[in-house]
Amino acid sequence: MDDYPKTDWCSSAHLAAEVEALRDKLIEVAGLSELFKVLSDETRTRIVYLLAQGELCTCDLAEILEMSLPAISHHLRLLRMARLVRHRREGKNVYYALDDAHVLHIIREAQAHFREER
C-alpha cells in the first residue's frame, strides 16, 4: 500500500496513526474467510441448519438430503475441520451436532438477515 501516493486515489486524508491502527485491527478477522468458504456451499449450509435442529447420524442426514453416505461424509469432514460440527460414535453410527452455541448464533443471525425486508 505504501507504493501508492495516497492523494492520487483518496480525497480524505487520515493520520498515519489511524491508518496503522486500522491495519492492526485486521488481525481480528484473520481466518474468517475460511469459515465463510465452508458455509458457502449449499449442502453444508443445509447440514448445519439441520444440525441446529438437533443431533443426527450420518445415515439420517443422507436420507433427509437424498445424498450418498460418502458425499455426506465428505461435507461433514469439512465442517469438522472448520470446527462447526462435532461427532460421537455409537456402535456403527456416527452422530453429529453443532460444535457450540456460536455456530447456532451464526445460523440464526444469517436467517434474520436473510428475512429482513429491503
Protein backbone atom coordinates (compact mmCIF):
# COMPACT_ATOMS: atom_id res chain seq x y z
CA MET A 1 0.00 0.00 0.00
CA ASP A 2 2.83 2.37 0.66
CA ASP A 3 3.69 2.21 -3.06
CA TYR A 4 0.65 4.32 -3.96
CA PRO A 5 0.56 8.07 -3.43
CA LYS A 6 -2.45 8.49 -1.15
CA THR A 7 -3.54 11.76 -2.74
CA ASP A 8 -3.96 10.08 -6.13
CA TRP A 9 -6.72 7.71 -5.05
CA CYS A 10 -8.28 9.13 -1.91
CA SER A 11 -9.51 12.59 -1.11
CA SER A 12 -9.86 12.01 2.64
CA ALA A 13 -6.60 12.21 4.49
CA HIS A 14 -6.31 10.00 7.58
CA LEU A 15 -3.49 10.38 10.01
CA ALA A 16 -0.83 7.72 9.62
CA ALA A 17 -1.52 6.56 13.20
CA GLU A 18 -5.21 5.98 12.38
CA VAL A 19 -4.33 4.06 9.25
CA GLU A 20 -1.84 1.92 11.15
CA ALA A 21 -4.34 1.28 13.97
CA LEU A 22 -6.95 0.13 11.46
CA ARG A 23 -4.40 -2.04 9.69
CA ASP A 24 -3.54 -3.66 13.05
CA LYS A 25 -7.22 -4.43 13.66
CA LEU A 26 -7.33 -6.63 10.56
CA ILE A 27 -5.91 -9.49 12.63
CA GLU A 28 -9.36 -9.73 14.24
CA VAL A 29 -10.84 -11.12 11.01
CA ALA A 30 -7.92 -13.36 10.04
CA GLY A 31 -9.28 -16.77 9.05
CA LEU A 32 -12.93 -15.73 8.86
CA SER A 33 -12.97 -16.09 5.09
CA GLU A 34 -12.23 -19.82 5.52
CA LEU A 35 -15.31 -20.17 7.71
CA PHE A 36 -17.44 -18.42 5.11
CA LYS A 37 -15.94 -20.56 2.33
CA VAL A 38 -17.05 -23.70 4.17
CA LEU A 39 -20.54 -22.29 4.69
CA SER A 40 -20.79 -21.01 1.12
CA ASP A 41 -21.67 -24.49 -0.11
CA GLU A 42 -25.47 -25.01 -0.12
CA THR A 43 -25.22 -28.63 1.06
CA ARG A 44 -23.01 -27.73 4.02
CA THR A 45 -25.31 -24.86 4.94
CA ARG A 46 -28.26 -27.26 4.85
CA ILE A 47 -26.38 -29.75 7.04
CA VAL A 48 -25.57 -27.03 9.60
CA TYR A 49 -29.20 -25.92 9.55
CA LEU A 50 -30.42 -29.49 10.14
CA LEU A 51 -27.95 -29.94 12.99
CA ALA A 52 -29.24 -26.70 14.51
CA GLN A 53 -32.48 -28.65 14.97
CA GLY A 54 -30.66 -31.40 16.89
CA GLU A 55 -28.16 -34.23 16.70
CA LEU A 56 -28.39 -36.50 13.64
CA CYS A 57 -26.47 -39.53 12.45
CA THR A 58 -24.76 -39.67 9.07
CA CYS A 59 -27.37 -42.00 7.61
CA ASP A 60 -30.22 -39.68 8.70
CA LEU A 61 -28.51 -36.73 7.02
CA ALA A 62 -28.00 -38.78 3.85
CA GLU A 63 -31.67 -39.76 3.78
CA ILE A 64 -33.01 -36.27 4.52
CA LEU A 65 -30.77 -34.65 1.91
CA GLU A 66 -31.19 -37.53 -0.55
CA MET A 67 -27.43 -37.94 -0.93
CA SER A 68 -24.97 -40.80 -0.69
CA LEU A 69 -23.18 -41.56 2.57
CA PRO A 70 -19.75 -40.80 1.04
CA ALA A 71 -20.96 -37.38 -0.17
CA ILE A 72 -22.41 -36.55 3.26
CA SER A 73 -19.23 -37.76 4.97
CA HIS A 74 -17.13 -35.51 2.73
CA HIS A 75 -19.17 -32.44 3.72
CA LEU A 76 -19.14 -33.41 7.40
CA ARG A 77 -15.36 -33.79 7.32
CA LEU A 78 -15.02 -30.22 6.02
CA LEU A 79 -17.45 -28.97 8.68
CA ARG A 80 -15.46 -30.79 11.39
CA MET A 81 -12.19 -29.29 10.11
CA ALA A 82 -13.79 -25.82 10.37
CA ARG A 83 -14.89 -26.70 13.94
CA LEU A 84 -18.54 -26.12 13.06
CA VAL A 85 -19.70 -29.63 14.00
CA ARG A 86 -18.61 -32.32 16.44
CA HIS A 87 -19.21 -36.03 16.27
CA ARG A 88 -19.54 -39.05 18.50
CA ARG A 89 -19.60 -42.75 17.72
CA GLU A 90 -22.22 -45.13 18.96
CA GLY A 91 -21.60 -48.59 17.58
CA LYS A 92 -21.51 -48.35 13.80
CA ASN A 93 -23.28 -44.99 13.74
CA VAL A 94 -21.66 -41.59 13.90
CA TYR A 95 -23.79 -38.78 15.30
CA TYR A 96 -23.19 -35.12 14.51
CA ALA A 97 -24.17 -31.93 16.33
CA LEU A 98 -23.21 -28.29 16.14
CA ASP A 99 -19.89 -27.75 17.86
CA ASP A 100 -21.15 -24.99 20.15
CA ALA A 101 -23.68 -22.21 20.60
CA HIS A 102 -21.59 -19.85 18.47
CA VAL A 103 -22.41 -21.88 15.37
CA LEU A 104 -26.12 -21.72 16.16
CA HIS A 105 -25.79 -17.96 16.66
CA ILE A 106 -24.17 -17.60 13.21
CA ILE A 107 -27.06 -19.52 11.63
CA ARG A 108 -29.73 -17.53 13.48
CA GLU A 109 -28.12 -14.21 12.56
CA ALA A 110 -27.84 -15.25 8.91
CA GLN A 111 -31.51 -16.28 8.90
CA ALA A 112 -32.56 -12.97 10.44
CA HIS A 113 -30.54 -11.05 7.88
CA PHE A 114 -31.99 -13.09 5.03
CA ARG A 115 -35.57 -12.48 6.24
CA GLU A 116 -35.13 -8.72 6.57
CA GLU A 117 -37.25 -6.73 4.20
CA ARG A 118 -35.31 -4.44 1.94
